[in-house]
């Protein structure tokens, strides 16, 4: 576990640096395309550094806002509060995560925050209503595992920065398509301009690959760690089965945050449609259940 935490911290630093470079190239290309001259590189560096800083310190607030989450209360969500209190002892975490709730019929959950001191566990009302005590305990333990393993920092930063990169690339593509900007006379560095254009074109694919790279393995590790906390693999197995079988769509889910949930919030609309493929952000529920059964 400690080795995974160390790798997550190193990986986070590497990814933040990579995104700073990518955003710098895209913004530089935008500035030069609109003929802003020599200050383009300063503008690009300023925007990329500010975006990295805000992604690190405000990612949890951004993600909670995107999902329209509200704080949980002891009066309305007593079972959830009691489960978290009990798991704090077995998890060994020093800081108690804040609890949030999303009003949605689909049973699902995610954790976010930059570190255990500033962590959040968010569940849907569907999860609270449809799972029994031990199933809910398994899900909360899974999210606590993400917090303890520092998965949340990596996931939250990638969510915000991928969203920004894709938004920038989409915006400049539309602007240039409709004739905004004339780069016939710009004197920008041709290598940086070329790299910026490549970054704009490949940004959506890069963002998806980045989410895939951090999502699949960490779900198996979090499942196993959750069983260490609860000593009850059956609770999490039953919860995963219910979550997979539930037909409801999560209204607040989008491609930027889907990889954060315990199971994919998107459902197959067509009968017989394959739900898991090489582009899925989550391993198949069947594989996760089989791995949990092998822990017994």
Protein backbone atom coordinates (compact mmCIF):
# COMPACT_ATOMS: atom_id res chain seq x y z
CA UNK A 1 0.00 0.00 0.00
CA UNK A 2 2.78 2.44 0.92
CA UNK A 3 4.47 1.77 -2.40
CA UNK A 4 1.19 2.56 -4.22
CA UNK A 5 0.87 5.82 -2.25
CA UNK A 6 4.43 6.81 -3.17
CA UNK A 7 3.81 6.02 -6.85
CA UNK A 8 0.57 8.01 -6.82
CA UNK A 9 2.38 11.07 -5.43
CA UNK A 10 5.13 10.80 -8.07
CA UNK A 11 2.58 10.22 -10.81
CA UNK A 12 0.57 13.26 -9.71
CA UNK A 13 3.62 15.52 -9.99
CA UNK A 14 4.45 14.13 -13.42
CA UNK A 15 0.88 14.56 -14.71
CA UNK A 16 0.61 18.12 -13.39
CA UNK A 17 3.85 18.98 -15.21
CA UNK A 18 2.58 17.33 -18.38
CA UNK A 19 -0.68 19.25 -18.27
CA UNK A 20 1.14 22.55 -17.62
CA UNK A 21 3.17 21.91 -20.77
CA UNK A 22 0.10 20.92 -22.78
CA UNK A 23 -1.95 23.94 -21.68
CA UNK A 24 1.03 26.24 -22.33
CA UNK A 25 1.32 24.96 -25.91
CA UNK A 26 -2.39 25.29 -26.58
CA UNK A 27 -2.66 28.81 -25.13
CA UNK A 28 0.51 29.87 -26.97
CA UNK A 29 -1.00 28.67 -30.23
CA UNK A 30 -4.22 30.55 -29.48
CA UNK A 31 -2.36 33.77 -28.67
CA UNK A 32 -0.19 33.60 -31.80
CA UNK A 33 -3.17 32.68 -33.99
CA UNK A 34 -4.85 35.87 -32.80
CA UNK A 35 -1.63 37.86 -33.32
CA UNK A 36 -0.86 38.78 -29.71
CA UNK A 37 2.87 38.92 -30.40
CA UNK A 38 5.80 38.29 -28.08
CA UNK A 39 3.71 38.35 -24.89
CA UNK A 40 2.02 35.12 -26.03
CA UNK A 41 4.46 32.87 -24.20
CA UNK A 42 4.04 34.86 -20.96
CA UNK A 43 0.27 34.66 -21.25
CA UNK A 44 0.48 30.92 -21.93
CA UNK A 45 2.75 30.24 -18.95
CA UNK A 46 0.62 32.37 -16.63
CA UNK A 47 -2.62 30.63 -17.61
CA UNK A 48 -1.10 27.14 -17.38
CA UNK A 49 0.43 27.76 -13.92
CA UNK A 50 -2.79 29.33 -12.59
CA UNK A 51 -4.84 26.42 -13.95
CA UNK A 52 -2.54 23.90 -12.27
CA UNK A 53 -2.71 25.81 -8.98
CA UNK A 54 -6.53 26.08 -9.05
CA UNK A 55 -6.86 22.42 -10.06
CA UNK A 56 -4.82 21.39 -7.04
CA UNK A 57 -6.49 23.60 -4.43
CA UNK A 58 -10.06 23.80 -5.72
CA UNK A 59 -10.61 20.53 -7.58
CA UNK A 60 -12.92 19.13 -4.86
CA UNK A 61 -15.14 22.23 -4.91
CA UNK A 62 -15.29 22.19 -8.71
CA UNK A 63 -16.20 18.51 -8.83
CA UNK A 64 -18.86 18.81 -6.10
CA UNK A 65 -20.36 21.75 -7.96
CA UNK A 66 -20.42 19.83 -11.24
CA UNK A 67 -22.29 17.00 -9.51
CA UNK A 68 -24.65 19.39 -7.63
CA UNK A 69 -23.77 17.73 -4.31
CA UNK A 70 -25.03 18.93 -0.93
CA UNK A 71 -23.51 18.30 2.52
CA UNK A 72 -24.81 15.26 4.35
CA UNK A 73 -26.45 15.83 7.75
CA UNK A 74 -26.51 13.65 10.84
CA UNK A 75 -30.30 13.91 11.00
CA UNK A 76 -31.04 12.88 7.39
CA UNK A 77 -28.10 10.57 6.74
CA UNK A 78 -27.46 8.97 10.13
CA UNK A 79 -26.68 5.50 8.75
CA UNK A 80 -24.01 6.93 6.45
CA UNK A 81 -22.46 8.99 9.25
CA UNK A 82 -22.40 5.99 11.63
CA UNK A 83 -20.75 3.77 9.02
CA UNK A 84 -18.02 6.31 8.35
CA UNK A 85 -17.38 6.78 12.07
CA UNK A 86 -16.90 3.03 12.50
CA UNK A 87 -14.64 2.70 9.46
CA UNK A 88 -12.37 5.52 10.61
CA UNK A 89 -11.05 3.17 13.31
CA UNK A 90 -10.26 0.23 11.01
CA UNK A 91 -8.91 2.40 8.18
CA UNK A 92 -6.31 4.10 10.36
CA UNK A 93 -7.02 7.47 8.74
CA UNK A 94 -6.36 10.44 10.99
CA UNK A 95 -8.69 12.89 9.25
CA UNK A 96 -12.40 12.26 8.73
CA UNK A 97 -13.66 12.97 5.20
CA UNK A 98 -16.58 15.33 4.70
CA UNK A 99 -19.76 13.64 3.52
CA UNK A 100 -21.84 14.87 0.58
CA UNK A 101 -24.99 13.60 -1.11
CA UNK A 102 -26.22 13.87 -4.70
CA UNK A 103 -29.98 13.66 -5.17
CA UNK A 104 -30.21 10.93 -7.81
CA UNK A 105 -31.90 7.54 -8.10
CA UNK A 106 -28.82 5.72 -9.40
CA UNK A 107 -26.82 4.08 -6.58
CA UNK A 108 -23.22 5.31 -6.92
CA UNK A 109 -20.43 7.05 -5.02
CA UNK A 110 -17.06 8.74 -5.43
CA UNK A 111 -14.28 10.29 -3.34
CA UNK A 112 -12.33 13.44 -4.13
CA UNK A 113 -9.95 15.99 -2.60
CA UNK A 114 -6.24 16.82 -2.76
CA UNK A 115 -5.25 14.79 0.35
CA UNK A 116 -6.80 12.97 3.33
CA UNK A 117 -6.98 16.24 5.29
CA UNK A 118 -9.18 17.78 2.57
CA UNK A 119 -11.09 14.73 1.40
CA UNK A 120 -14.73 14.19 0.50
CA UNK A 121 -16.92 11.12 0.10
CA UNK A 122 -20.02 11.72 -2.00
CA UNK A 123 -22.90 9.23 -2.38
CA UNK A 124 -26.20 9.36 -4.20
CA UNK A 125 -29.58 9.13 -2.50
CA UNK A 126 -30.15 6.00 -4.58
CA UNK A 127 -27.19 4.36 -2.84
CA UNK A 128 -28.57 5.22 0.60
CA UNK A 129 -32.03 3.92 -0.26
CA UNK A 130 -31.18 0.70 -2.11
CA UNK A 131 -28.24 -0.75 -0.16
CA UNK A 132 -28.40 -2.40 3.23
CA UNK A 133 -25.96 -1.62 6.05
CA UNK A 134 -23.16 -4.02 5.04
CA UNK A 135 -23.40 -3.17 1.34
CA UNK A 136 -23.19 0.54 2.11
CA UNK A 137 -20.28 -0.16 4.44
CA UNK A 138 -18.43 -1.87 1.58
CA UNK A 139 -18.94 1.10 -0.74
CA UNK A 140 -17.84 3.66 1.87
CA UNK A 141 -14.79 1.52 2.69
CA UNK A 142 -13.93 1.44 -1.04
CA UNK A 143 -14.01 5.24 -1.18
CA UNK A 144 -11.96 5.49 2.02
CA UNK A 145 -9.39 3.28 0.30
CA UNK A 146 -9.08 5.81 -2.52
CA UNK A 147 -8.46 8.50 0.09
CA UNK A 148 -5.85 6.51 2.01
CA UNK A 149 -4.04 5.50 -1.20
CA UNK A 150 -4.00 9.13 -2.47
CA UNK A 151 -5.97 8.11 -5.58
CA UNK A 152 -8.23 11.10 -4.96
CA UNK A 153 -5.48 13.68 -5.59
CA UNK A 154 -4.52 12.18 -8.92
CA UNK A 155 -8.12 11.63 -10.01
CA UNK A 156 -9.35 15.11 -9.03
CA UNK A 157 -6.47 16.94 -10.70
CA UNK A 158 -6.80 14.91 -13.89
CA UNK A 159 -10.56 15.53 -13.95
CA UNK A 160 -10.22 19.31 -13.77
CA UNK A 161 -7.18 19.65 -16.03
CA UNK A 162 -8.48 17.26 -18.70
CA UNK A 163 -11.70 19.26 -18.75
CA UNK A 164 -9.76 22.51 -19.19
CA UNK A 165 -7.54 21.12 -21.95
CA UNK A 166 -10.49 19.70 -23.89
CA UNK A 167 -12.44 22.96 -23.44
CA UNK A 168 -9.50 25.03 -24.73
CA UNK A 169 -8.92 22.77 -27.73
CA UNK A 170 -12.62 22.76 -28.57
CA UNK A 171 -12.86 26.55 -28.25
CA UNK A 172 -9.88 27.30 -30.48
CA UNK A 173 -11.00 24.74 -33.06
CA UNK A 174 -14.38 26.43 -33.34
CA UNK A 175 -12.88 29.94 -33.36
CA UNK A 176 -10.39 29.17 -36.11
CA UNK A 177 -12.99 27.25 -38.11
CA UNK A 178 -15.24 30.30 -38.14
CA UNK A 179 -12.38 32.54 -39.21
CA UNK A 180 -11.23 33.97 -35.88
CA UNK A 181 -7.54 34.88 -36.06
CA UNK A 182 -5.14 35.38 -38.93
CA UNK A 183 -1.72 33.86 -38.54
CA UNK A 184 -0.32 34.85 -41.95
CA UNK A 185 1.98 37.47 -40.39
CA UNK A 186 2.58 36.01 -36.95
CA UNK A 187 6.18 35.58 -35.92
CA UNK A 188 5.72 32.91 -33.28
CA UNK A 189 8.14 30.06 -32.80
CA UNK A 190 7.19 27.61 -35.58
CA UNK A 191 8.08 24.57 -33.46
CA UNK A 192 5.88 25.73 -30.57
CA UNK A 193 3.10 26.59 -33.03
CA UNK A 194 3.28 23.09 -34.51
CA UNK A 195 3.31 21.45 -31.09
CA UNK A 196 0.36 23.61 -30.03
CA UNK A 197 -1.62 22.55 -33.10
CA UNK A 198 -0.82 18.88 -32.42
CA UNK A 199 -1.88 19.34 -28.76
CA UNK A 200 -5.21 20.84 -29.86
CA UNK A 201 -5.91 17.96 -32.23
CA UNK A 202 -4.88 15.19 -29.84
CA UNK A 203 -6.17 16.73 -26.57
CA UNK A 204 -9.48 14.78 -26.42
CA UNK A 205 -7.73 11.45 -27.08
CA UNK A 206 -4.95 12.28 -24.62
CA UNK A 207 -7.49 13.17 -21.94
CA UNK A 208 -9.36 9.88 -22.35
CA UNK A 209 -6.16 7.83 -22.30
CA UNK A 210 -5.02 9.66 -19.16
CA UNK A 211 -8.25 8.77 -17.35
CA UNK A 212 -7.98 5.15 -18.48
CA UNK A 213 -4.41 4.98 -17.20
CA UNK A 214 -5.37 5.96 -13.65
CA UNK A 215 -8.77 4.29 -13.32
CA UNK A 216 -8.73 0.54 -13.84
CA UNK A 217 -5.94 -0.75 -11.60
CA UNK A 218 -6.87 1.55 -8.74
CA UNK A 219 -10.39 0.07 -8.56
CA UNK A 220 -9.03 -3.42 -7.89
CA UNK A 221 -6.64 -2.07 -5.25
CA UNK A 222 -9.42 -0.06 -3.58
CA UNK A 223 -11.70 -3.13 -3.53
CA UNK A 224 -9.00 -5.20 -1.82
CA UNK A 225 -8.20 -2.44 0.68
CA UNK A 226 -11.91 -2.03 1.46
CA UNK A 227 -12.06 -5.71 2.45
CA UNK A 228 -9.12 -5.10 4.81
CA UNK A 229 -11.18 -2.39 6.49
CA UNK A 230 -14.47 -4.31 6.75
CA UNK A 231 -13.32 -7.98 6.84
CA UNK A 232 -16.47 -8.63 4.84
CA UNK A 233 -16.01 -9.14 1.06
CA UNK A 234 -19.64 -10.28 0.71
CA UNK A 235 -20.94 -6.81 1.52
CA UNK A 236 -18.95 -5.16 -1.29
CA UNK A 237 -19.70 -8.02 -3.71
CA UNK A 238 -23.43 -7.64 -3.12
CA UNK A 239 -23.17 -3.85 -3.46
CA UNK A 240 -21.34 -4.10 -6.79
CA UNK A 241 -23.98 -6.51 -8.09
CA UNK A 242 -26.77 -4.09 -7.17
CA UNK A 243 -24.94 -1.10 -8.66
CA UNK A 244 -24.29 -2.93 -11.92
CA UNK A 245 -27.88 -4.14 -12.24
CA UNK A 246 -29.52 -0.79 -11.51
CA UNK A 247 -31.01 0.69 -14.73
CA UNK A 248 -31.11 4.36 -13.68
CA UNK A 249 -28.99 7.00 -15.42
CA UNK A 250 -27.00 9.41 -13.26
CA UNK A 251 -28.21 12.82 -14.42
CA UNK A 252 -25.19 14.79 -13.20
CA UNK A 253 -22.58 12.46 -14.72
CA UNK A 254 -20.45 13.49 -17.69
CA UNK A 255 -17.30 12.24 -19.38
CA UNK A 256 -15.03 14.42 -17.24
CA UNK A 257 -16.13 12.89 -13.92
CA UNK A 258 -17.34 9.39 -14.87
CA UNK A 259 -14.02 7.71 -14.00
CA UNK A 260 -14.29 8.87 -10.38
CA UNK A 261 -17.35 6.79 -9.48
CA UNK A 262 -17.19 3.32 -7.94
CA UNK A 263 -18.92 1.96 -11.06
CA UNK A 264 -19.48 3.67 -14.38
CA UNK A 265 -22.51 6.01 -14.14
CA UNK A 266 -23.34 5.40 -17.80
CA UNK A 267 -25.65 2.52 -18.67
CA UNK A 268 -26.09 0.64 -21.93
CA UNK A 269 -29.29 1.88 -23.51
CA UNK A 270 -29.50 -0.83 -26.12
CA UNK A 271 -30.30 -4.41 -25.23
CA UNK A 272 -27.24 -6.58 -25.49
CA UNK A 273 -24.88 -3.64 -25.91
CA UNK A 274 -21.47 -4.33 -24.44
CA UNK A 275 -20.94 -2.04 -21.46
CA UNK A 276 -17.22 -2.61 -20.98
CA UNK A 277 -14.57 -2.31 -23.69
CA UNK A 278 -11.02 -1.01 -24.14
CA UNK A 279 -12.26 2.58 -23.73
CA UNK A 280 -14.12 1.92 -20.49
CA UNK A 281 -12.88 3.87 -17.47
CA UNK A 282 -13.72 0.98 -15.13
CA UNK A 283 -12.83 -2.72 -15.12
CA UNK A 284 -15.80 -4.98 -15.57
CA UNK A 285 -17.86 -5.60 -12.45
CA UNK A 286 -17.62 -9.34 -13.11
CA UNK A 287 -13.80 -9.18 -12.94
CA UNK A 288 -13.93 -7.14 -9.74
CA UNK A 289 -16.34 -9.58 -8.09
CA UNK A 290 -14.17 -12.54 -9.12
CA UNK A 291 -11.10 -10.82 -7.61
CA UNK A 292 -13.00 -10.20 -4.36
CA UNK A 293 -14.11 -13.82 -4.16
CA UNK A 294 -10.51 -14.91 -4.56
CA UNK A 295 -9.68 -12.94 -1.42
CA UNK A 296 -11.85 -15.19 0.74
